[in-house]
Amino acid sequence: MHGCGNDYVYIDCREGVPDNVSELAIRLSDRHKGIGGDGIILICKSDKVDFMMRIFNADGSEGKMCGNGIRCVAKYVFDNGLTDNHHLEIDTLSGIKIIDIDPKAKPGDEETWVTVDMGKPETEAIEETIKLPDGTNLTGSIISMGNPHFVVYSVKTPSDAMVLGQGPLAEKHERFPDRSNIEFAKVSGKDEVEMRVWERGSGETMACGTGACATAVAAIQLGLTGNDVTVHLLGGDLHIRLDDRCHVLMTGPAVTVFDGII
C-alpha cells in the first residue's frame, strides 16, 4: 500500500508477529530482490484500542510513527472487513492516534481519503544551525511529531544536492543522538509548500506524513503561512491543519497496490 508514494508492505499480524522482524523488513523492502518498499508495517491486536501498528524501516530499525502508514492501516482494516467504523483509534509507539475515514468511502475503493489527528507537535527549536561534516551550515526547525524532524526552509527549490547530499549528513549529526528525519522545503504559494525528505532508516522517500506535518508546523511558526497548509511532495499532496487545540490534522490518500502471500 502507499500514501502519496510512501510505500510499505503491510502484514496482518493479529495472530502473531513473525520472527526476526528487522531482518524480514530488510529482505522484503529490497526493490530488486524482495517485494520493494520503504519498510514494512505490522497490523496487530490492541488491548487498549481498535488496532496497533508497528513500523520497521528498510534498514530494519523500528520507527515510532508513520503518518502515511497509519492512513493505509485504516484503509486495510476497513477494506478487509476488520471494522465497519469510519472512526478508529490506532495505537503506535508514539501514542494513540485518532483516525477518521472519509464518510463517503466504501470498502474496496481504489483510493480512500483519511484524516489523522497527529496530536500536538513538540518544538525544540524554531531556528537552530548545525554544521555538517562537509563544512556547510544548515539552519532549521527541530520539531517532534512522535518522531524527530529537522525542517530546513530555503528560497531555492529542494534539490538532489540538498536531499541526497546534505540529508544523510544531517540525519546522523551529533545534534540528533537518535538520528533525525530531514526535510528540505520552500514556500511556493499562499499556504503552499514544496518539500522533499530524507527519512532516517529509509533514505529519500516519495512522501513522509509526519515530515509534512513538521514542515507545516515550522511554516506556521515562522510566519510563512497560515494554519492551513498544502504540502506538495514528490508522490502527491497532503493537507495539514493546525486546529484551535494546537493539534495537527493531516488529510491524505491511501491506496492498495497489490495483495500476496509470502
C-alpha atoms as a PDB file:
ATOM      1  CA  MET A   1       0.000   0.000   0.000  1.00  0.00           C
ATOM      2  CA  HIS A   2       1.089   3.588  -0.377  1.00  0.00           C
ATOM      3  CA  GLY A   3       0.192   7.068   0.790  1.00  0.00           C
ATOM      4  CA  CYS A   4       1.454   9.660  -1.699  1.00  0.00           C
ATOM      5  CA  GLY A   5       4.032   7.145  -2.922  1.00  0.00           C
ATOM      6  CA  ASN A   6       5.357   6.389   0.587  1.00  0.00           C
ATOM      7  CA  ASP A   7       5.038   2.610   0.200  1.00  0.00           C
ATOM      8  CA  TYR A   8       5.188  -0.193   2.739  1.00  0.00           C
ATOM      9  CA  VAL A   9       4.465  -3.903   2.837  1.00  0.00           C
ATOM     10  CA  TYR A  10       1.545  -4.397   5.253  1.00  0.00           C
ATOM     11  CA  ILE A  11       1.298  -7.655   7.184  1.00  0.00           C
ATOM     12  CA  ASP A  12      -1.767  -8.804   9.130  1.00  0.00           C
ATOM     13  CA  CYS A  13      -0.234  -9.824  12.466  1.00  0.00           C
ATOM     14  CA  ARG A  14      -3.393 -10.201  14.538  1.00  0.00           C
ATOM     15  CA  GLU A  15      -2.494 -13.865  15.117  1.00  0.00           C
ATOM     16  CA  GLY A  16       1.134 -13.149  15.954  1.00  0.00           C
ATOM     17  CA  VAL A  17       4.259 -11.283  14.881  1.00  0.00           C
ATOM     18  CA  PRO A  18       6.801 -13.033  12.617  1.00  0.00           C
ATOM     19  CA  ASP A  19      10.224 -13.929  13.968  1.00  0.00           C
ATOM     20  CA  ASN A  20      13.217 -11.728  13.147  1.00  0.00           C
ATOM     21  CA  VAL A  21      11.094  -8.779  12.019  1.00  0.00           C
ATOM     22  CA  SER A  22      14.083  -6.493  11.432  1.00  0.00           C
ATOM     23  CA  GLU A  23      15.679  -8.990   9.065  1.00  0.00           C
ATOM     24  CA  LEU A  24      12.328  -9.515   7.358  1.00  0.00           C
ATOM     25  CA  ALA A  25      11.970  -5.764   6.818  1.00  0.00           C
ATOM     26  CA  ILE A  26      15.376  -5.579   5.154  1.00  0.00           C
ATOM     27  CA  ARG A  27      14.617  -8.540   2.888  1.00  0.00           C
ATOM     28  CA  LEU A  28      11.105  -7.539   1.838  1.00  0.00           C
ATOM     29  CA  SER A  29      11.974  -3.854   1.333  1.00  0.00           C
ATOM     30  CA  ASP A  30      14.666  -4.631  -1.243  1.00  0.00           C
ATOM     31  CA  ARG A  31      13.281  -3.273  -4.519  1.00  0.00           C
ATOM     32  CA  HIS A  32      15.383  -5.656  -6.642  1.00  0.00           C
ATOM     33  CA  LYS A  33      15.427  -8.898  -4.652  1.00  0.00           C
ATOM     34  CA  GLY A  34      12.351  -8.518  -2.459  1.00  0.00           C
ATOM     35  CA  ILE A  35       8.879  -7.022  -2.785  1.00  0.00           C
ATOM     36  CA  GLY A  36      10.118  -3.447  -2.514  1.00  0.00           C
ATOM     37  CA  GLY A  37       9.101  -0.655  -0.174  1.00  0.00           C
ATOM     38  CA  ASP A  38      10.195   1.961   2.338  1.00  0.00           C
ATOM     39  CA  GLY A  39       9.762  -0.690   5.040  1.00  0.00           C
ATOM     40  CA  ILE A  40       7.101  -2.977   6.495  1.00  0.00           C
ATOM     41  CA  ILE A  41       4.150  -2.210   8.752  1.00  0.00           C
ATOM     42  CA  LEU A  42       2.567  -4.764  11.067  1.00  0.00           C
ATOM     43  CA  ILE A  43      -1.152  -4.588  11.843  1.00  0.00           C
ATOM     44  CA  CYS A  44      -1.573  -6.011  15.346  1.00  0.00           C
ATOM     45  CA  LYS A  45      -4.216  -6.547  18.008  1.00  0.00           C
ATOM     46  CA  SER A  46      -4.505  -3.984  20.785  1.00  0.00           C
ATOM     47  CA  ASP A  47      -5.773  -4.428  24.320  1.00  0.00           C
ATOM     48  CA  LYS A  48      -6.455  -0.687  24.567  1.00  0.00           C
ATOM     49  CA  VAL A  49      -7.968   0.477  21.272  1.00  0.00           C
ATOM     50  CA  ASP A  50      -9.061  -0.841  17.865  1.00  0.00           C
ATOM     51  CA  PHE A  51      -5.668  -1.857  16.479  1.00  0.00           C
ATOM     52  CA  MET A  52      -1.946  -1.314  16.920  1.00  0.00           C
ATOM     53  CA  MET A  53       0.638  -0.738  14.220  1.00  0.00           C
ATOM     54  CA  ARG A  54       4.390  -1.233  14.269  1.00  0.00           C
ATOM     55  CA  ILE A  55       6.732   0.239  11.660  1.00  0.00           C
ATOM     56  CA  PHE A  56      10.074  -1.179  10.556  1.00  0.00           C
ATOM     57  CA  ASN A  57      12.189   0.872   8.161  1.00  0.00           C
ATOM     58  CA  ALA A  58      14.012  -0.504   5.139  1.00  0.00           C
ATOM     59  CA  ASP A  59      17.218  -0.794   7.207  1.00  0.00           C
ATOM     60  CA  GLY A  60      15.433  -2.906   9.840  1.00  0.00           C
ATOM     61  CA  SER A  61      15.174  -0.195  12.505  1.00  0.00           C
ATOM     62  CA  GLU A  62      11.824   0.247  14.233  1.00  0.00           C
ATOM     63  CA  GLY A  63      10.085   3.602  13.888  1.00  0.00           C
ATOM     64  CA  LYS A  64       7.632   5.182  16.292  1.00  0.00           C
ATOM     65  CA  MET A  65       5.121   6.716  13.904  1.00  0.00           C
ATOM     66  CA  CYS A  66       4.306   6.958  10.204  1.00  0.00           C
ATOM     67  CA  GLY A  67       1.600   9.357   9.051  1.00  0.00           C
ATOM     68  CA  ASN A  68       1.189   7.851   5.584  1.00  0.00           C
ATOM     69  CA  GLY A  69       1.370   4.365   7.056  1.00  0.00           C
ATOM     70  CA  ILE A  70      -1.378   4.841   9.606  1.00  0.00           C
ATOM     71  CA  ARG A  71      -3.771   6.033   6.894  1.00  0.00           C
ATOM     72  CA  CYS A  72      -3.076   2.820   4.982  1.00  0.00           C
ATOM     73  CA  VAL A  73      -3.642   0.736   8.118  1.00  0.00           C
ATOM     74  CA  ALA A  74      -7.062   2.373   8.437  1.00  0.00           C
ATOM     75  CA  LYS A  75      -7.853   1.552   4.804  1.00  0.00           C
ATOM     76  CA  TYR A  76      -6.676  -2.050   5.232  1.00  0.00           C
ATOM     77  CA  VAL A  77      -8.859  -2.829   8.240  1.00  0.00           C
ATOM     78  CA  PHE A  78     -11.822  -1.034   6.625  1.00  0.00           C
ATOM     79  CA  ASP A  79     -11.454  -2.720   3.225  1.00  0.00           C
ATOM     80  CA  ASN A  80     -10.961  -6.185   4.713  1.00  0.00           C
ATOM     81  CA  GLY A  81     -13.984  -6.097   6.994  1.00  0.00           C
ATOM     82  CA  LEU A  82     -11.991  -5.969  10.226  1.00  0.00           C
ATOM     83  CA  THR A  83     -14.120  -2.955  11.174  1.00  0.00           C
ATOM     84  CA  ASP A  84     -17.098  -1.138   9.717  1.00  0.00           C
ATOM     85  CA  ASN A  85     -16.366   2.061  11.633  1.00  0.00           C
ATOM     86  CA  HIS A  86     -15.220   5.236   9.928  1.00  0.00           C
ATOM     87  CA  HIS A  87     -13.777   6.468  13.238  1.00  0.00           C
ATOM     88  CA  LEU A  88     -10.854   4.487  14.667  1.00  0.00           C
ATOM     89  CA  GLU A  89      -8.210   4.630  17.354  1.00  0.00           C
ATOM     90  CA  ILE A  90      -4.862   3.081  16.483  1.00  0.00           C
ATOM     91  CA  ASP A  91      -2.022   2.628  18.938  1.00  0.00           C
ATOM     92  CA  THR A  92       1.591   3.381  17.955  1.00  0.00           C
ATOM     93  CA  LEU A  93       4.896   3.686  19.776  1.00  0.00           C
ATOM     94  CA  SER A  94       4.258   7.443  19.840  1.00  0.00           C
ATOM     95  CA  GLY A  95       0.802   7.065  21.369  1.00  0.00           C
ATOM     96  CA  ILE A  96      -2.801   6.538  20.308  1.00  0.00           C
ATOM     97  CA  LYS A  97      -3.868   8.325  17.117  1.00  0.00           C
ATOM     98  CA  ILE A  98      -7.445   9.226  16.179  1.00  0.00           C
ATOM     99  CA  ILE A  99      -8.444   8.338  12.621  1.00  0.00           C
ATOM    100  CA  ASP A 100     -11.430   9.457  10.538  1.00  0.00           C
ATOM    101  CA  ILE A 101     -12.092   7.719   7.226  1.00  0.00           C
ATOM    102  CA  ASP A 102     -13.974   9.747   4.621  1.00  0.00           C
ATOM    103  CA  PRO A 103     -17.674   9.131   5.414  1.00  0.00           C
ATOM    104  CA  LYS A 104     -18.318   8.607   1.683  1.00  0.00           C
ATOM    105  CA  ALA A 105     -15.689   5.865   1.459  1.00  0.00           C
ATOM    106  CA  LYS A 106     -16.717   2.299   0.683  1.00  0.00           C
ATOM    107  CA  PRO A 107     -14.647  -0.860   1.241  1.00  0.00           C
ATOM    108  CA  GLY A 108     -12.575  -1.601  -1.828  1.00  0.00           C
ATOM    109  CA  ASP A 109     -12.421   1.950  -3.177  1.00  0.00           C
ATOM    110  CA  GLU A 110      -9.273   2.416  -5.233  1.00  0.00           C
ATOM    111  CA  GLU A 111      -8.298   5.460  -3.176  1.00  0.00           C
ATOM    112  CA  THR A 112      -9.503   6.210   0.337  1.00  0.00           C
ATOM    113  CA  TRP A 113      -9.083   9.603   1.991  1.00  0.00           C
ATOM    114  CA  VAL A 114      -8.261   9.539   5.673  1.00  0.00           C
ATOM    115  CA  THR A 115      -7.723  12.254   8.299  1.00  0.00           C
ATOM    116  CA  VAL A 116      -5.398  11.619  11.219  1.00  0.00           C
ATOM    117  CA  ASP A 117      -5.238  13.645  14.418  1.00  0.00           C
ATOM    118  CA  MET A 118      -1.472  13.637  14.872  1.00  0.00           C
ATOM    119  CA  GLY A 119      -1.660  15.344  18.266  1.00  0.00           C
ATOM    120  CA  LYS A 120       0.358  18.321  19.438  1.00  0.00           C
ATOM    121  CA  PRO A 121       3.766  18.973  17.908  1.00  0.00           C
ATOM    122  CA  GLU A 122       6.748  19.481  20.180  1.00  0.00           C
ATOM    123  CA  THR A 123       9.032  22.291  19.045  1.00  0.00           C
ATOM    124  CA  GLU A 124      12.532  22.123  20.449  1.00  0.00           C
ATOM    125  CA  ALA A 125      13.902  24.981  18.365  1.00  0.00           C
ATOM    126  CA  ILE A 126      12.345  27.384  15.861  1.00  0.00           C
ATOM    127  CA  GLU A 127      15.694  28.086  14.229  1.00  0.00           C
ATOM    128  CA  GLU A 128      18.933  26.303  15.001  1.00  0.00           C
ATOM    129  CA  THR A 129      22.073  25.990  12.910  1.00  0.00           C
ATOM    130  CA  ILE A 130      24.151  22.818  12.671  1.00  0.00           C
ATOM    131  CA  LYS A 131      27.494  22.441  10.915  1.00  0.00           C
ATOM    132  CA  LEU A 132      27.788  19.415   8.642  1.00  0.00           C
ATOM    133  CA  PRO A 133      30.983  17.362   8.206  1.00  0.00           C
ATOM    134  CA  ASP A 134      31.442  18.878   4.729  1.00  0.00           C
ATOM    135  CA  GLY A 135      31.701  22.325   6.329  1.00  0.00           C
ATOM    136  CA  THR A 136      28.305  23.691   5.282  1.00  0.00           C
ATOM    137  CA  ASN A 137      25.764  25.081   7.733  1.00  0.00           C
ATOM    138  CA  LEU A 138      22.087  24.150   7.824  1.00  0.00           C
ATOM    139  CA  THR A 139      19.512  26.202   9.712  1.00  0.00           C
ATOM    140  CA  GLY A 140      16.212  24.562  10.510  1.00  0.00           C
ATOM    141  CA  SER A 141      13.405  23.947  12.974  1.00  0.00           C
ATOM    142  CA  ILE A 142      13.636  20.958  15.327  1.00  0.00           C
ATOM    143  CA  ILE A 143      10.141  19.524  15.750  1.00  0.00           C
ATOM    144  CA  SER A 144       8.838  16.195  17.016  1.00  0.00           C
ATOM    145  CA  MET A 145       5.670  14.625  15.649  1.00  0.00           C
ATOM    146  CA  GLY A 146       6.219  11.482  17.713  1.00  0.00           C
ATOM    147  CA  ASN A 147       9.486  11.123  15.807  1.00  0.00           C
ATOM    148  CA  PRO A 148      12.233  13.719  15.257  1.00  0.00           C
ATOM    149  CA  HIS A 149      12.370  16.173  12.346  1.00  0.00           C
ATOM    150  CA  PHE A 150      14.747  18.905  11.236  1.00  0.00           C
ATOM    151  CA  VAL A 151      12.946  21.205   8.773  1.00  0.00           C
ATOM    152  CA  VAL A 152      15.129  23.390   6.557  1.00  0.00           C
ATOM    153  CA  TYR A 153      13.454  26.219   4.632  1.00  0.00           C
ATOM    154  CA  SER A 154      15.167  27.646   1.576  1.00  0.00           C
ATOM    155  CA  VAL A 155      14.423  30.187  -1.141  1.00  0.00           C
ATOM    156  CA  LYS A 156      15.514  27.515  -3.614  1.00  0.00           C
ATOM    157  CA  THR A 157      13.509  24.508  -4.769  1.00  0.00           C
ATOM    158  CA  PRO A 158      14.787  21.426  -2.876  1.00  0.00           C
ATOM    159  CA  SER A 159      17.472  19.762  -5.000  1.00  0.00           C
ATOM    160  CA  ASP A 160      19.259  16.412  -5.179  1.00  0.00           C
ATOM    161  CA  ALA A 161      22.354  18.095  -3.744  1.00  0.00           C
ATOM    162  CA  MET A 162      20.364  19.138  -0.675  1.00  0.00           C
ATOM    163  CA  VAL A 163      18.377  15.956  -0.134  1.00  0.00           C
ATOM    164  CA  LEU A 164      20.873  13.285  -1.198  1.00  0.00           C
ATOM    165  CA  GLY A 165      24.000  15.186  -0.179  1.00  0.00           C
ATOM    166  CA  GLN A 166      23.134  17.084   2.996  1.00  0.00           C
ATOM    167  CA  GLY A 167      20.266  14.809   4.084  1.00  0.00           C
ATOM    168  CA  PRO A 168      22.307  11.779   5.199  1.00  0.00           C
ATOM    169  CA  LEU A 169      24.911  14.013   6.857  1.00  0.00           C
ATOM    170  CA  ALA A 170      22.265  15.855   8.849  1.00  0.00           C
ATOM    171  CA  GLU A 171      20.400  12.637   9.728  1.00  0.00           C
ATOM    172  CA  LYS A 172      23.422  11.348  11.652  1.00  0.00           C
ATOM    173  CA  HIS A 173      24.602  14.710  13.055  1.00  0.00           C
ATOM    174  CA  GLU A 174      25.691  14.642  16.692  1.00  0.00           C
ATOM    175  CA  ARG A 175      22.862  17.088  17.478  1.00  0.00           C
ATOM    176  CA  PHE A 176      20.469  14.187  16.873  1.00  0.00           C
ATOM    177  CA  PRO A 177      21.612  11.241  19.014  1.00  0.00           C
ATOM    178  CA  ASP A 178      18.705   9.072  17.775  1.00  0.00           C
ATOM    179  CA  ARG A 179      19.138  10.342  14.196  1.00  0.00           C
ATOM    180  CA  SER A 180      16.528  12.576  12.590  1.00  0.00           C
ATOM    181  CA  ASN A 181      14.319  12.897   9.541  1.00  0.00           C
ATOM    182  CA  ILE A 182      15.476  15.828   7.418  1.00  0.00           C
ATOM    183  CA  GLU A 183      13.024  17.958   5.413  1.00  0.00           C
ATOM    184  CA  PHE A 184      14.008  20.488   2.747  1.00  0.00           C
ATOM    185  CA  ALA A 185      11.179  22.909   1.985  1.00  0.00           C
ATOM    186  CA  LYS A 186      10.228  26.040   0.100  1.00  0.00           C
ATOM    187  CA  VAL A 187       7.091  28.185   0.289  1.00  0.00           C
ATOM    188  CA  SER A 188       5.674  28.005  -3.248  1.00  0.00           C
ATOM    189  CA  GLY A 189       2.413  29.932  -2.920  1.00  0.00           C
ATOM    190  CA  LYS A 190      -0.159  31.173  -0.471  1.00  0.00           C
ATOM    191  CA  ASP A 191      -0.334  28.458   2.202  1.00  0.00           C
ATOM    192  CA  GLU A 192       1.524  26.054  -0.100  1.00  0.00           C
ATOM    193  CA  VAL A 193       4.875  24.408   0.491  1.00  0.00           C
ATOM    194  CA  GLU A 194       7.117  22.158  -1.622  1.00  0.00           C
ATOM    195  CA  MET A 195       9.001  19.546   0.366  1.00  0.00           C
ATOM    196  CA  ARG A 196      11.421  16.667  -0.124  1.00  0.00           C
ATOM    197  CA  VAL A 197      12.516  14.417   2.699  1.00  0.00           C
ATOM    198  CA  TRP A 198      15.459  12.275   3.717  1.00  0.00           C
ATOM    199  CA  GLU A 199      13.984   9.753   6.163  1.00  0.00           C
ATOM    200  CA  ARG A 200      16.123   8.169   8.850  1.00  0.00           C
ATOM    201  CA  GLY A 201      16.457   4.474   8.116  1.00  0.00           C
ATOM    202  CA  SER A 202      14.972   4.683   4.606  1.00  0.00           C
ATOM    203  CA  GLY A 203      16.717   7.453   2.652  1.00  0.00           C
ATOM    204  CA  GLU A 204      14.709   9.684   0.336  1.00  0.00           C
ATOM    205  CA  THR A 205      11.044   8.668   0.103  1.00  0.00           C
ATOM    206  CA  MET A 206       8.228   9.923  -2.102  1.00  0.00           C
ATOM    207  CA  ALA A 207       6.438  11.325   0.936  1.00  0.00           C
ATOM    208  CA  CYS A 208       6.562  11.463   4.723  1.00  0.00           C
ATOM    209  CA  GLY A 209       3.375  12.160   6.677  1.00  0.00           C
ATOM    210  CA  THR A 210       4.980  13.194   9.940  1.00  0.00           C
ATOM    211  CA  GLY A 211       7.532  15.162   7.920  1.00  0.00           C
ATOM    212  CA  ALA A 212       4.775  17.022   6.088  1.00  0.00           C
ATOM    213  CA  CYS A 213       3.205  17.836   9.461  1.00  0.00           C
ATOM    214  CA  ALA A 214       6.504  19.076  10.892  1.00  0.00           C
ATOM    215  CA  THR A 215       7.124  21.126   7.745  1.00  0.00           C
ATOM    216  CA  ALA A 216       3.699  22.756   8.002  1.00  0.00           C
ATOM    217  CA  VAL A 217       4.162  23.461  11.713  1.00  0.00           C
ATOM    218  CA  ALA A 218       7.538  25.082  11.013  1.00  0.00           C
ATOM    219  CA  ALA A 219       5.993  27.249   8.281  1.00  0.00           C
ATOM    220  CA  ILE A 220       3.211  28.363  10.631  1.00  0.00           C
ATOM    221  CA  GLN A 221       5.593  29.115  13.494  1.00  0.00           C
ATOM    222  CA  LEU A 222       7.953  31.032  11.216  1.00  0.00           C
ATOM    223  CA  GLY A 223       5.026  33.101   9.939  1.00  0.00           C
ATOM    224  CA  LEU A 224       5.448  31.840   6.377  1.00  0.00           C
ATOM    225  CA  THR A 225       1.879  30.507   6.030  1.00  0.00           C
ATOM    226  CA  GLY A 226      -1.482  30.417   7.784  1.00  0.00           C
ATOM    227  CA  ASN A 227      -2.802  27.466   9.797  1.00  0.00           C
ATOM    228  CA  ASP A 228      -3.998  25.514   6.734  1.00  0.00           C
ATOM    229  CA  VAL A 229      -1.123  24.295   4.586  1.00  0.00           C
ATOM    230  CA  THR A 230      -0.943  22.125   1.466  1.00  0.00           C
ATOM    231  CA  VAL A 231       2.372  20.281   1.319  1.00  0.00           C
ATOM    232  CA  HIS A 232       3.441  19.234  -2.178  1.00  0.00           C
ATOM    233  CA  LEU A 233       5.542  16.063  -2.044  1.00  0.00           C
ATOM    234  CA  LEU A 234       7.145  14.014  -4.804  1.00  0.00           C
ATOM    235  CA  GLY A 235       4.315  11.479  -4.523  1.00  0.00           C
ATOM    236  CA  GLY A 236       1.353  13.843  -4.123  1.00  0.00           C
ATOM    237  CA  ASP A 237      -0.223  16.366  -1.777  1.00  0.00           C
ATOM    238  CA  LEU A 238      -1.058  16.270   1.922  1.00  0.00           C
ATOM    239  CA  HIS A 239      -3.328  18.790   3.608  1.00  0.00           C
ATOM    240  CA  ILE A 240      -2.229  19.869   7.072  1.00  0.00           C
ATOM    241  CA  ARG A 241      -4.219  21.994   9.510  1.00  0.00           C
ATOM    242  CA  LEU A 242      -3.283  23.268  12.950  1.00  0.00           C
ATOM    243  CA  ASP A 243      -6.573  23.492  14.876  1.00  0.00           C
ATOM    244  CA  ASP A 244      -7.517  25.657  17.850  1.00  0.00           C
ATOM    245  CA  ARG A 245      -6.300  22.939  20.242  1.00  0.00           C
ATOM    246  CA  CYS A 246      -2.877  23.101  18.601  1.00  0.00           C
ATOM    247  CA  HIS A 247      -3.429  19.588  17.253  1.00  0.00           C
ATOM    248  CA  VAL A 248      -2.102  18.764  13.792  1.00  0.00           C
ATOM    249  CA  LEU A 249      -4.715  17.251  11.455  1.00  0.00           C
ATOM    250  CA  MET A 250      -3.363  15.512   8.374  1.00  0.00           C
ATOM    251  CA  THR A 251      -5.570  14.509   5.432  1.00  0.00           C
ATOM    252  CA  GLY A 252      -4.395  12.422   2.511  1.00  0.00           C
ATOM    253  CA  PRO A 253      -4.999   9.357   0.345  1.00  0.00           C
ATOM    254  CA  ALA A 254      -4.347   5.671   0.976  1.00  0.00           C
ATOM    255  CA  VAL A 255      -4.052   3.200  -1.918  1.00  0.00           C
ATOM    256  CA  THR A 256      -3.704  -0.588  -2.134  1.00  0.00           C
ATOM    257  CA  VAL A 257      -1.247  -1.652  -4.834  1.00  0.00           C
ATOM    258  CA  PHE A 258      -1.480  -5.468  -4.617  1.00  0.00           C
ATOM    259  CA  ASP A 259      -2.057  -8.386  -2.251  1.00  0.00           C
ATOM    260  CA  GLY A 260       0.018 -11.531  -1.991  1.00  0.00           C
ATOM    261  CA  ILE A 261       1.283 -14.402   0.125  1.00  0.00           C
ATOM    262  CA  ILE A 262       4.923 -14.926   1.038  1.00  0.00           C
END
